[in-house]
Amino acid sequence: MKLKIATICLVFGTLLTPMLAHADGDADRKHPLTFVENSVITTKIKARLADEKMSTLKHIKVDTDAKGMVVLSGNVGSQEEAGKAVSIARATEGVKSVTNELRIKKDD
């Protein structure tokens, strides 16, 4: 039950955050339809990462541009987790390419 609520909050937060922050001014985000399409792709990826139940995958930043190019950034615990995140993003409908900027950071 808690996971379901957390996933719903994550999805809504992902959708609302760019609107509240007025995005970052990219030219491709000025058209409302493009912005919605980008948000849908980003939300799908974030939800799938959360479903994996690996704690570090929940903290990955996902950014999608108008051409379906996705950039993954943040810290993960292992190369295996980074690979899993990239494969989830690549398997998401609407994604044309994925740039992996994830860093492996071991817990001390």
PDB file of N, CA and C in Angstrom:
ATOM      1  N   MET A   1       0.821  -1.184   0.000  1.00  0.00           N
ATOM      2  CA  MET A   1       0.000   0.000   0.000  1.00  0.00           C
ATOM      3  C   MET A   1       0.870   1.254   0.000  1.00  0.00           C
ATOM      4  N   LYS A   2       1.925   1.239   0.853  1.00  0.00           N
ATOM      5  CA  LYS A   2       2.813   2.400   0.919  1.00  0.00           C
ATOM      6  C   LYS A   2       3.540   2.609  -0.410  1.00  0.00           C
ATOM      7  N   LEU A   3       3.916   1.518  -1.067  1.00  0.00           N
ATOM      8  CA  LEU A   3       4.608   1.624  -2.351  1.00  0.00           C
ATOM      9  C   LEU A   3       3.693   2.236  -3.404  1.00  0.00           C
ATOM     10  N   LYS A   4       2.426   1.856  -3.365  1.00  0.00           N
ATOM     11  CA  LYS A   4       1.456   2.389  -4.320  1.00  0.00           C
ATOM     12  C   LYS A   4       1.294   3.902  -4.126  1.00  0.00           C
ATOM     13  N   ILE A   5       1.194   4.332  -2.875  1.00  0.00           N
ATOM     14  CA  ILE A   5       1.054   5.758  -2.573  1.00  0.00           C
ATOM     15  C   ILE A   5       2.323   6.501  -2.977  1.00  0.00           C
ATOM     16  N   ALA A   6       3.465   5.898  -2.696  1.00  0.00           N
ATOM     17  CA  ALA A   6       4.734   6.533  -3.060  1.00  0.00           C
ATOM     18  C   ALA A   6       4.860   6.677  -4.573  1.00  0.00           C
ATOM     19  N   THR A   7       4.439   5.660  -5.314  1.00  0.00           N
ATOM     20  CA  THR A   7       4.502   5.715  -6.775  1.00  0.00           C
ATOM     21  C   THR A   7       3.571   6.796  -7.316  1.00  0.00           C
ATOM     22  N   ILE A   8       2.370   6.893  -6.766  1.00  0.00           N
ATOM     23  CA  ILE A   8       1.421   7.925  -7.198  1.00  0.00           C
ATOM     24  C   ILE A   8       1.984   9.316  -6.914  1.00  0.00           C
ATOM     25  N   CYS A   9       2.552   9.502  -5.724  1.00  0.00           N
ATOM     26  CA  CYS A   9       3.154  10.796  -5.387  1.00  0.00           C
ATOM     27  C   CYS A   9       4.312  11.122  -6.324  1.00  0.00           C
ATOM     28  N   LEU A  10       5.110  10.134  -6.638  1.00  0.00           N
ATOM     29  CA  LEU A  10       6.238  10.324  -7.549  1.00  0.00           C
ATOM     30  C   LEU A  10       5.753  10.754  -8.922  1.00  0.00           C
ATOM     31  N   VAL A  11       4.712  10.103  -9.415  1.00  0.00           N
ATOM     32  CA  VAL A  11       4.173  10.431 -10.737  1.00  0.00           C
ATOM     33  C   VAL A  11       3.638  11.857 -10.757  1.00  0.00           C
ATOM     34  N   PHE A  12       2.814  12.206  -9.778  1.00  0.00           N
ATOM     35  CA  PHE A  12       2.257  13.558  -9.743  1.00  0.00           C
ATOM     36  C   PHE A  12       3.348  14.606  -9.518  1.00  0.00           C
ATOM     37  N   GLY A  13       4.296  14.292  -8.658  1.00  0.00           N
ATOM     38  CA  GLY A  13       5.400  15.217  -8.422  1.00  0.00           C
ATOM     39  C   GLY A  13       6.222  15.457  -9.669  1.00  0.00           C
ATOM     40  N   THR A  14       6.450  14.406 -10.419  1.00  0.00           N
ATOM     41  CA  THR A  14       7.213  14.522 -11.661  1.00  0.00           C
ATOM     42  C   THR A  14       6.475  15.387 -12.674  1.00  0.00           C
ATOM     43  N   LEU A  15       5.164  15.247 -12.717  1.00  0.00           N
ATOM     44  CA  LEU A  15       4.375  16.048 -13.655  1.00  0.00           C
ATOM     45  C   LEU A  15       4.273  17.501 -13.228  1.00  0.00           C
ATOM     46  N   LEU A  16       4.169  17.761 -11.941  1.00  0.00           N
ATOM     47  CA  LEU A  16       3.942  19.117 -11.467  1.00  0.00           C
ATOM     48  C   LEU A  16       5.208  19.934 -11.273  1.00  0.00           C
ATOM     49  N   THR A  17       6.313  19.300 -10.974  1.00  0.00           N
ATOM     50  CA  THR A  17       7.547  20.025 -10.697  1.00  0.00           C
ATOM     51  C   THR A  17       7.974  20.954 -11.828  1.00  0.00           C
ATOM     52  N   PRO A  18       8.019  20.511 -13.079  1.00  0.00           N
ATOM     53  CA  PRO A  18       8.432  21.435 -14.143  1.00  0.00           C
ATOM     54  C   PRO A  18       7.471  22.619 -14.312  1.00  0.00           C
ATOM     55  N   MET A  19       6.187  22.386 -14.100  1.00  0.00           N
ATOM     56  CA  MET A  19       5.242  23.487 -14.228  1.00  0.00           C
ATOM     57  C   MET A  19       5.455  24.506 -13.118  1.00  0.00           C
ATOM     58  N   LEU A  20       5.717  24.044 -11.909  1.00  0.00           N
ATOM     59  CA  LEU A  20       5.944  24.949 -10.795  1.00  0.00           C
ATOM     60  C   LEU A  20       7.253  25.706 -10.943  1.00  0.00           C
ATOM     61  N   ALA A  21       8.229  25.067 -11.502  1.00  0.00           N
ATOM     62  CA  ALA A  21       9.537  25.696 -11.681  1.00  0.00           C
ATOM     63  C   ALA A  21       9.636  26.452 -12.993  1.00  0.00           C
ATOM     64  N   HIS A  22       8.580  26.447 -13.781  1.00  0.00           N
ATOM     65  CA  HIS A  22       8.534  27.092 -15.100  1.00  0.00           C
ATOM     66  C   HIS A  22       9.574  26.532 -16.054  1.00  0.00           C
ATOM     67  N   ALA A  23       9.851  25.260 -15.892  1.00  0.00           N
ATOM     68  CA  ALA A  23      10.821  24.529 -16.705  1.00  0.00           C
ATOM     69  C   ALA A  23      12.159  25.261 -16.697  1.00  0.00           C
ATOM     70  N   ASP A  24      13.030  24.956 -17.606  1.00  0.00           N
ATOM     71  CA  ASP A  24      14.328  25.619 -17.619  1.00  0.00           C
ATOM     72  C   ASP A  24      14.505  26.490 -18.856  1.00  0.00           C
ATOM     73  N   GLY A  25      13.437  26.755 -19.581  1.00  0.00           N
ATOM     74  CA  GLY A  25      13.494  27.686 -20.690  1.00  0.00           C
ATOM     75  C   GLY A  25      13.964  27.098 -21.999  1.00  0.00           C
ATOM     76  N   ASP A  26      14.092  25.781 -22.096  1.00  0.00           N
ATOM     77  CA  ASP A  26      14.490  25.181 -23.367  1.00  0.00           C
ATOM     78  C   ASP A  26      13.463  25.525 -24.440  1.00  0.00           C
ATOM     79  N   ALA A  27      13.918  25.772 -25.640  1.00  0.00           N
ATOM     80  CA  ALA A  27      13.017  26.137 -26.738  1.00  0.00           C
ATOM     81  C   ALA A  27      12.031  25.031 -27.053  1.00  0.00           C
ATOM     82  N   ASP A  28      12.441  23.771 -26.926  1.00  0.00           N
ATOM     83  CA  ASP A  28      11.548  22.672 -27.260  1.00  0.00           C
ATOM     84  C   ASP A  28      10.442  22.487 -26.233  1.00  0.00           C
ATOM     85  N   ARG A  29      10.524  23.128 -25.097  1.00  0.00           N
ATOM     86  CA  ARG A  29       9.515  22.975 -24.062  1.00  0.00           C
ATOM     87  C   ARG A  29       8.491  24.107 -24.088  1.00  0.00           C
ATOM     88  N   LYS A  30       8.627  25.032 -24.992  1.00  0.00           N
ATOM     89  CA  LYS A  30       7.700  26.155 -25.035  1.00  0.00           C
ATOM     90  C   LYS A  30       6.351  25.775 -25.609  1.00  0.00           C
ATOM     91  N   HIS A  31       6.297  24.769 -26.430  1.00  0.00           N
ATOM     92  CA  HIS A  31       5.026  24.338 -27.000  1.00  0.00           C
ATOM     93  C   HIS A  31       4.353  23.392 -26.008  1.00  0.00           C
ATOM     94  N   PRO A  32       3.102  23.679 -25.615  1.00  0.00           N
ATOM     95  CA  PRO A  32       2.439  22.874 -24.581  1.00  0.00           C
ATOM     96  C   PRO A  32       2.343  21.387 -24.910  1.00  0.00           C
ATOM     97  N   LEU A  33       2.057  21.043 -26.149  1.00  0.00           N
ATOM     98  CA  LEU A  33       1.924  19.632 -26.513  1.00  0.00           C
ATOM     99  C   LEU A  33       3.256  18.899 -26.357  1.00  0.00           C
ATOM    100  N   THR A  34       4.338  19.535 -26.769  1.00  0.00           N
ATOM    101  CA  THR A  34       5.663  18.938 -26.623  1.00  0.00           C
ATOM    102  C   THR A  34       5.993  18.749 -25.153  1.00  0.00           C
ATOM    103  N   PHE A  35       5.661  19.749 -24.344  1.00  0.00           N
ATOM    104  CA  PHE A  35       5.928  19.665 -22.912  1.00  0.00           C
ATOM    105  C   PHE A  35       5.187  18.478 -22.295  1.00  0.00           C
ATOM    106  N   VAL A  36       3.929  18.276 -22.671  1.00  0.00           N
ATOM    107  CA  VAL A  36       3.140  17.169 -22.143  1.00  0.00           C
ATOM    108  C   VAL A  36       3.735  15.835 -22.578  1.00  0.00           C
ATOM    109  N   GLU A  37       4.115  15.710 -23.849  1.00  0.00           N
ATOM    110  CA  GLU A  37       4.720  14.468 -24.345  1.00  0.00           C
ATOM    111  C   GLU A  37       6.003  14.149 -23.583  1.00  0.00           C
ATOM    112  N   ASN A  38       6.839  15.168 -23.352  1.00  0.00           N
ATOM    113  CA  ASN A  38       8.076  14.969 -22.606  1.00  0.00           C
ATOM    114  C   ASN A  38       7.776  14.516 -21.183  1.00  0.00           C
ATOM    115  N   SER A  39       6.790  15.136 -20.559  1.00  0.00           N
ATOM    116  CA  SER A  39       6.422  14.788 -19.189  1.00  0.00           C
ATOM    117  C   SER A  39       5.900  13.365 -19.093  1.00  0.00           C
ATOM    118  N   VAL A  40       5.157  12.923 -20.096  1.00  0.00           N
ATOM    119  CA  VAL A  40       4.627  11.559 -20.095  1.00  0.00           C
ATOM    120  C   VAL A  40       5.769  10.558 -20.167  1.00  0.00           C
ATOM    121  N   ILE A  41       6.723  10.786 -21.051  1.00  0.00           N
ATOM    122  CA  ILE A  41       7.875   9.879 -21.169  1.00  0.00           C
ATOM    123  C   ILE A  41       8.654   9.862 -19.855  1.00  0.00           C
ATOM    124  N   THR A  42       8.930  11.037 -19.306  1.00  0.00           N
ATOM    125  CA  THR A  42       9.675  11.137 -18.051  1.00  0.00           C
ATOM    126  C   THR A  42       8.940  10.409 -16.930  1.00  0.00           C
ATOM    127  N   THR A  43       7.628  10.609 -16.848  1.00  0.00           N
ATOM    128  CA  THR A  43       6.833   9.980 -15.797  1.00  0.00           C
ATOM    129  C   THR A  43       6.819   8.460 -15.931  1.00  0.00           C
ATOM    130  N   LYS A  44       6.703   7.960 -17.155  1.00  0.00           N
ATOM    131  CA  LYS A  44       6.726   6.509 -17.368  1.00  0.00           C
ATOM    132  C   LYS A  44       8.046   5.911 -16.887  1.00  0.00           C
ATOM    133  N   ILE A  45       9.141   6.574 -17.223  1.00  0.00           N
ATOM    134  CA  ILE A  45      10.460   6.068 -16.823  1.00  0.00           C
ATOM    135  C   ILE A  45      10.598   6.098 -15.306  1.00  0.00           C
ATOM    136  N   LYS A  46      10.225   7.215 -14.678  1.00  0.00           N
ATOM    137  CA  LYS A  46      10.343   7.336 -13.221  1.00  0.00           C
ATOM    138  C   LYS A  46       9.496   6.284 -12.512  1.00  0.00           C
ATOM    139  N   ALA A  47       8.291   6.033 -13.006  1.00  0.00           N
ATOM    140  CA  ALA A  47       7.422   5.023 -12.390  1.00  0.00           C
ATOM    141  C   ALA A  47       8.029   3.630 -12.515  1.00  0.00           C
ATOM    142  N   ARG A  48       8.600   3.320 -13.673  1.00  0.00           N
ATOM    143  CA  ARG A  48       9.221   2.005 -13.866  1.00  0.00           C
ATOM    144  C   ARG A  48      10.467   1.841 -13.000  1.00  0.00           C
ATOM    145  N   LEU A  49      11.223   2.919 -12.828  1.00  0.00           N
ATOM    146  CA  LEU A  49      12.386   2.862 -11.943  1.00  0.00           C
ATOM    147  C   LEU A  49      11.932   2.610 -10.505  1.00  0.00           C
ATOM    148  N   ALA A  50      10.862   3.271 -10.077  1.00  0.00           N
ATOM    149  CA  ALA A  50      10.344   3.079  -8.717  1.00  0.00           C
ATOM    150  C   ALA A  50       9.826   1.660  -8.518  1.00  0.00           C
ATOM    151  N   ASP A  51       9.247   1.081  -9.550  1.00  0.00           N
ATOM    152  CA  ASP A  51       8.714  -0.280  -9.462  1.00  0.00           C
ATOM    153  C   ASP A  51       9.798  -1.337  -9.257  1.00  0.00           C
ATOM    154  N   GLU A  52      11.028  -1.010  -9.581  1.00  0.00           N
ATOM    155  CA  GLU A  52      12.125  -1.979  -9.464  1.00  0.00           C
ATOM    156  C   GLU A  52      12.515  -2.258  -8.017  1.00  0.00           C
ATOM    157  N   LYS A  53      12.081  -1.432  -7.100  1.00  0.00           N
ATOM    158  CA  LYS A  53      12.321  -1.614  -5.666  1.00  0.00           C
ATOM    159  C   LYS A  53      13.804  -1.626  -5.300  1.00  0.00           C
ATOM    160  N   MET A  54      14.628  -0.965  -6.093  1.00  0.00           N
ATOM    161  CA  MET A  54      16.027  -0.761  -5.729  1.00  0.00           C
ATOM    162  C   MET A  54      16.135   0.686  -5.269  1.00  0.00           C
ATOM    163  N   SER A  55      16.570   0.906  -4.056  1.00  0.00           N
ATOM    164  CA  SER A  55      16.517   2.235  -3.449  1.00  0.00           C
ATOM    165  C   SER A  55      17.224   3.314  -4.259  1.00  0.00           C
ATOM    166  N   THR A  56      18.342   3.013  -4.877  1.00  0.00           N
ATOM    167  CA  THR A  56      19.067   4.058  -5.603  1.00  0.00           C
ATOM    168  C   THR A  56      18.383   4.450  -6.906  1.00  0.00           C
ATOM    169  N   LEU A  57      17.581   3.564  -7.488  1.00  0.00           N
ATOM    170  CA  LEU A  57      16.916   3.896  -8.749  1.00  0.00           C
ATOM    171  C   LEU A  57      15.863   4.977  -8.563  1.00  0.00           C
ATOM    172  N   LYS A  58      15.333   5.123  -7.357  1.00  0.00           N
ATOM    173  CA  LYS A  58      14.317   6.139  -7.094  1.00  0.00           C
ATOM    174  C   LYS A  58      14.895   7.542  -7.143  1.00  0.00           C
ATOM    175  N   HIS A  59      16.203   7.663  -7.020  1.00  0.00           N
ATOM    176  CA  HIS A  59      16.833   8.972  -6.938  1.00  0.00           C
ATOM    177  C   HIS A  59      17.493   9.413  -8.248  1.00  0.00           C
ATOM    178  N   ILE A  60      17.162   8.759  -9.321  1.00  0.00           N
ATOM    179  CA  ILE A  60      17.728   9.103 -10.624  1.00  0.00           C
ATOM    180  C   ILE A  60      16.922  10.245 -11.231  1.00  0.00           C
ATOM    181  N   LYS A  61      17.619  11.243 -11.742  1.00  0.00           N
ATOM    182  CA  LYS A  61      16.966  12.348 -12.433  1.00  0.00           C
ATOM    183  C   LYS A  61      16.783  11.952 -13.898  1.00  0.00           C
ATOM    184  N   VAL A  62      15.576  12.186 -14.415  1.00  0.00           N
ATOM    185  CA  VAL A  62      15.252  11.854 -15.801  1.00  0.00           C
ATOM    186  C   VAL A  62      14.844  13.134 -16.505  1.00  0.00           C
ATOM    187  N   ASP A  63      15.480  13.447 -17.631  1.00  0.00           N
ATOM    188  CA  ASP A  63      15.125  14.624 -18.417  1.00  0.00           C
ATOM    189  C   ASP A  63      14.905  14.178 -19.857  1.00  0.00           C
ATOM    190  N   THR A  64      13.790  14.617 -20.435  1.00  0.00           N
ATOM    191  CA  THR A  64      13.428  14.228 -21.797  1.00  0.00           C
ATOM    192  C   THR A  64      13.268  15.474 -22.644  1.00  0.00           C
ATOM    193  N   ASP A  65      13.851  15.480 -23.861  1.00  0.00           N
ATOM    194  CA  ASP A  65      13.660  16.624 -24.751  1.00  0.00           C
ATOM    195  C   ASP A  65      12.615  16.300 -25.811  1.00  0.00           C
ATOM    196  N   ALA A  66      12.363  17.256 -26.702  1.00  0.00           N
ATOM    197  CA  ALA A  66      11.289  17.142 -27.696  1.00  0.00           C
ATOM    198  C   ALA A  66      11.505  16.017 -28.692  1.00  0.00           C
ATOM    199  N   LYS A  67      12.721  15.567 -28.861  1.00  0.00           N
ATOM    200  CA  LYS A  67      13.015  14.533 -29.850  1.00  0.00           C
ATOM    201  C   LYS A  67      13.020  13.135 -29.244  1.00  0.00           C
ATOM    202  N   GLY A  68      12.586  13.017 -27.992  1.00  0.00           N
ATOM    203  CA  GLY A  68      12.571  11.713 -27.336  1.00  0.00           C
ATOM    204  C   GLY A  68      13.923  11.282 -26.813  1.00  0.00           C
ATOM    205  N   MET A  69      14.831  12.234 -26.667  1.00  0.00           N
ATOM    206  CA  MET A  69      16.153  11.933 -26.120  1.00  0.00           C
ATOM    207  C   MET A  69      16.088  12.079 -24.607  1.00  0.00           C
ATOM    208  N   VAL A  70      16.526  11.044 -23.891  1.00  0.00           N
ATOM    209  CA  VAL A  70      16.446  11.010 -22.441  1.00  0.00           C
ATOM    210  C   VAL A  70      17.852  11.073 -21.863  1.00  0.00           C
ATOM    211  N   VAL A  71      18.002  11.871 -20.791  1.00  0.00           N
ATOM    212  CA  VAL A  71      19.263  11.942 -20.063  1.00  0.00           C
ATOM    213  C   VAL A  71      19.000  11.458 -18.646  1.00  0.00           C
ATOM    214  N   LEU A  72      19.752  10.450 -18.228  1.00  0.00           N
ATOM    215  CA  LEU A  72      19.674   9.927 -16.872  1.00  0.00           C
ATOM    216  C   LEU A  72      20.882  10.442 -16.097  1.00  0.00           C
ATOM    217  N   SER A  73      20.641  11.020 -14.924  1.00  0.00           N
ATOM    218  CA  SER A  73      21.748  11.509 -14.110  1.00  0.00           C
ATOM    219  C   SER A  73      21.472  11.209 -12.640  1.00  0.00           C
ATOM    220  N   GLY A  74      22.507  11.299 -11.825  1.00  0.00           N
ATOM    221  CA  GLY A  74      22.401  11.005 -10.399  1.00  0.00           C
ATOM    222  C   GLY A  74      23.377   9.925 -10.006  1.00  0.00           C
ATOM    223  N   ASN A  75      23.190   9.400  -8.805  1.00  0.00           N
ATOM    224  CA  ASN A  75      24.091   8.380  -8.273  1.00  0.00           C
ATOM    225  C   ASN A  75      23.377   7.048  -8.125  1.00  0.00           C
ATOM    226  N   VAL A  76      24.082   5.978  -8.442  1.00  0.00           N
ATOM    227  CA  VAL A  76      23.577   4.614  -8.245  1.00  0.00           C
ATOM    228  C   VAL A  76      24.631   3.826  -7.478  1.00  0.00           C
ATOM    229  N   GLY A  77      24.231   2.679  -6.949  1.00  0.00           N
ATOM    230  CA  GLY A  77      25.136   1.880  -6.126  1.00  0.00           C
ATOM    231  C   GLY A  77      26.074   0.967  -6.890  1.00  0.00           C
ATOM    232  N   SER A  78      25.728   0.632  -8.157  1.00  0.00           N
ATOM    233  CA  SER A  78      26.576  -0.296  -8.905  1.00  0.00           C
ATOM    234  C   SER A  78      26.376  -0.111 -10.412  1.00  0.00           C
ATOM    235  N   GLN A  79      27.285  -0.710 -11.163  1.00  0.00           N
ATOM    236  CA  GLN A  79      27.182  -0.681 -12.622  1.00  0.00           C
ATOM    237  C   GLN A  79      25.920  -1.424 -13.067  1.00  0.00           C
ATOM    238  N   GLU A  80      25.570  -2.476 -12.339  1.00  0.00           N
ATOM    239  CA  GLU A  80      24.368  -3.254 -12.657  1.00  0.00           C
ATOM    240  C   GLU A  80      23.112  -2.381 -12.543  1.00  0.00           C
ATOM    241  N   GLU A  81      23.033  -1.556 -11.496  1.00  0.00           N
ATOM    242  CA  GLU A  81      21.887  -0.661 -11.328  1.00  0.00           C
ATOM    243  C   GLU A  81      21.847   0.390 -12.434  1.00  0.00           C
ATOM    244  N   ALA A  82      23.008   0.901 -12.822  1.00  0.00           N
ATOM    245  CA  ALA A  82      23.053   1.874 -13.912  1.00  0.00           C
ATOM    246  C   ALA A  82      22.562   1.241 -15.205  1.00  0.00           C
ATOM    247  N   GLY A  83      23.015   0.036 -15.481  1.00  0.00           N
ATOM    248  CA  GLY A  83      22.572  -0.672 -16.680  1.00  0.00           C
ATOM    249  C   GLY A  83      21.080  -0.943 -16.669  1.00  0.00           C
ATOM    250  N   LYS A  84      20.550  -1.291 -15.503  1.00  0.00           N
ATOM    251  CA  LYS A  84      19.111  -1.545 -15.367  1.00  0.00           C
ATOM    252  C   LYS A  84      18.324  -0.273 -15.659  1.00  0.00           C
ATOM    253  N   ALA A  85      18.772   0.856 -15.147  1.00  0.00           N
ATOM    254  CA  ALA A  85      18.094   2.134 -15.382  1.00  0.00           C
ATOM    255  C   ALA A  85      18.100   2.492 -16.867  1.00  0.00           C
ATOM    256  N   VAL A  86      19.232   2.296 -17.516  1.00  0.00           N
ATOM    257  CA  VAL A  86      19.338   2.596 -18.950  1.00  0.00           C
ATOM    258  C   VAL A  86      18.423   1.678 -19.752  1.00  0.00           C
ATOM    259  N   SER A  87      18.395   0.392 -19.414  1.00  0.00           N
ATOM    260  CA  SER A  87      17.532  -0.526 -20.168  1.00  0.00           C
ATOM    261  C   SER A  87      16.054  -0.212 -19.958  1.00  0.00           C
ATOM    262  N   ILE A  88      15.668   0.217 -18.762  1.00  0.00           N
ATOM    263  CA  ILE A  88      14.280   0.632 -18.512  1.00  0.00           C
ATOM    264  C   ILE A  88      13.936   1.838 -19.364  1.00  0.00           C
ATOM    265  N   ALA A  89      14.828   2.810 -19.401  1.00  0.00           N
ATOM    266  CA  ALA A  89      14.578   4.017 -20.200  1.00  0.00           C
ATOM    267  C   ALA A  89      14.478   3.681 -21.684  1.00  0.00           C
ATOM    268  N   ARG A  90      15.384   2.864 -22.182  1.00  0.00           N
ATOM    269  CA  ARG A  90      15.371   2.504 -23.610  1.00  0.00           C
ATOM    270  C   ARG A  90      14.112   1.739 -24.008  1.00  0.00           C
ATOM    271  N   ALA A  91      13.563   0.961 -23.080  1.00  0.00           N
ATOM    272  CA  ALA A  91      12.379   0.149 -23.369  1.00  0.00           C
ATOM    273  C   ALA A  91      11.078   0.946 -23.267  1.00  0.00           C
ATOM    274  N   THR A  92      11.156   2.200 -22.882  1.00  0.00           N
ATOM    275  CA  THR A  92       9.962   3.026 -22.709  1.00  0.00           C
ATOM    276  C   THR A  92       9.512   3.592 -24.048  1.00  0.00           C
ATOM    277  N   GLU A  93       8.212   3.494 -24.312  1.00  0.00           N
ATOM    278  CA  GLU A  93       7.642   3.995 -25.561  1.00  0.00           C
ATOM    279  C   GLU A  93       7.913   5.492 -25.716  1.00  0.00           C
ATOM    280  N   GLY A  94       8.343   5.887 -26.908  1.00  0.00           N
ATOM    281  CA  GLY A  94       8.606   7.290 -27.217  1.00  0.00           C
ATOM    282  C   GLY A  94      10.058   7.701 -27.065  1.00  0.00           C
ATOM    283  N   VAL A  95      10.877   6.849 -26.446  1.00  0.00           N
ATOM    284  CA  VAL A  95      12.287   7.171 -26.233  1.00  0.00           C
ATOM    285  C   VAL A  95      13.074   6.824 -27.490  1.00  0.00           C
ATOM    286  N   LYS A  96      13.816   7.801 -28.010  1.00  0.00           N
ATOM    287  CA  LYS A  96      14.641   7.591 -29.204  1.00  0.00           C
ATOM    288  C   LYS A  96      16.084   7.253 -28.843  1.00  0.00           C
ATOM    289  N   SER A  97      16.596   7.897 -27.781  1.00  0.00           N
ATOM    290  CA  SER A  97      17.959   7.613 -27.340  1.00  0.00           C
ATOM    291  C   SER A  97      18.080   7.916 -25.855  1.00  0.00           C
ATOM    292  N   VAL A  98      19.101   7.317 -25.215  1.00  0.00           N
ATOM    293  CA  VAL A  98      19.340   7.511 -23.788  1.00  0.00           C
ATOM    294  C   VAL A  98      20.801   7.872 -23.584  1.00  0.00           C
ATOM    295  N   THR A  99      21.031   8.957 -22.856  1.00  0.00           N
ATOM    296  CA  THR A  99      22.374   9.356 -22.471  1.00  0.00           C
ATOM    297  C   THR A  99      22.542   9.022 -20.996  1.00  0.00           C
ATOM    298  N   ASN A 100      23.554   8.248 -20.689  1.00  0.00           N
ATOM    299  CA  ASN A 100      23.801   7.800 -19.324  1.00  0.00           C
ATOM    300  C   ASN A 100      24.842   8.703 -18.674  1.00  0.00           C
ATOM    301  N   GLU A 101      24.407   9.521 -17.726  1.00  0.00           N
ATOM    302  CA  GLU A 101      25.312  10.355 -16.933  1.00  0.00           C
ATOM    303  C   GLU A 101      25.292   9.926 -15.477  1.00  0.00           C
ATOM    304  N   LEU A 102      24.931   8.670 -15.240  1.00  0.00           N
ATOM    305  CA  LEU A 102      24.855   8.137 -13.882  1.00  0.00           C
ATOM    306  C   LEU A 102      26.250   7.889 -13.331  1.00  0.00           C
ATOM    307  N   ARG A 103      26.420   8.164 -12.059  1.00  0.00           N
ATOM    308  CA  ARG A 103      27.699   7.924 -11.392  1.00  0.00           C
ATOM    309  C   ARG A 103      27.509   6.817 -10.360  1.00  0.00           C
ATOM    310  N   ILE A 104      28.501   5.956 -10.270  1.00  0.00           N
ATOM    311  CA  ILE A 104      28.447   4.868  -9.293  1.00  0.00           C
ATOM    312  C   ILE A 104      29.054   5.386  -7.999  1.00  0.00           C
ATOM    313  N   LYS A 105      28.248   5.337  -6.947  1.00  0.00           N
ATOM    314  CA  LYS A 105      28.688   5.820  -5.636  1.00  0.00           C
ATOM    315  C   LYS A 105      28.369   4.769  -4.603  1.00  0.00           C
ATOM    316  N   LYS A 106      29.401   4.155  -4.084  1.00  0.00           N
ATOM    317  CA  LYS A 106      29.234   3.112  -3.066  1.00  0.00           C
ATOM    318  C   LYS A 106      28.905   3.767  -1.735  1.00  0.00           C
ATOM    319  N   ASP A 107      28.022   3.114  -0.956  1.00  0.00           N
ATOM    320  CA  ASP A 107      27.715   3.570   0.394  1.00  0.00           C
ATOM    321  C   ASP A 107      28.922   3.288   1.283  1.00  0.00           C
ATOM    322  N   ASP A 108      29.275   4.277   2.071  1.00  0.00           N
ATOM    323  CA  ASP A 108      30.428   4.098   2.986  1.00  0.00           C
ATOM    324  C   ASP A 108      30.002   3.533   4.298  1.00  0.00           C
TER     325      ASP A 108
END
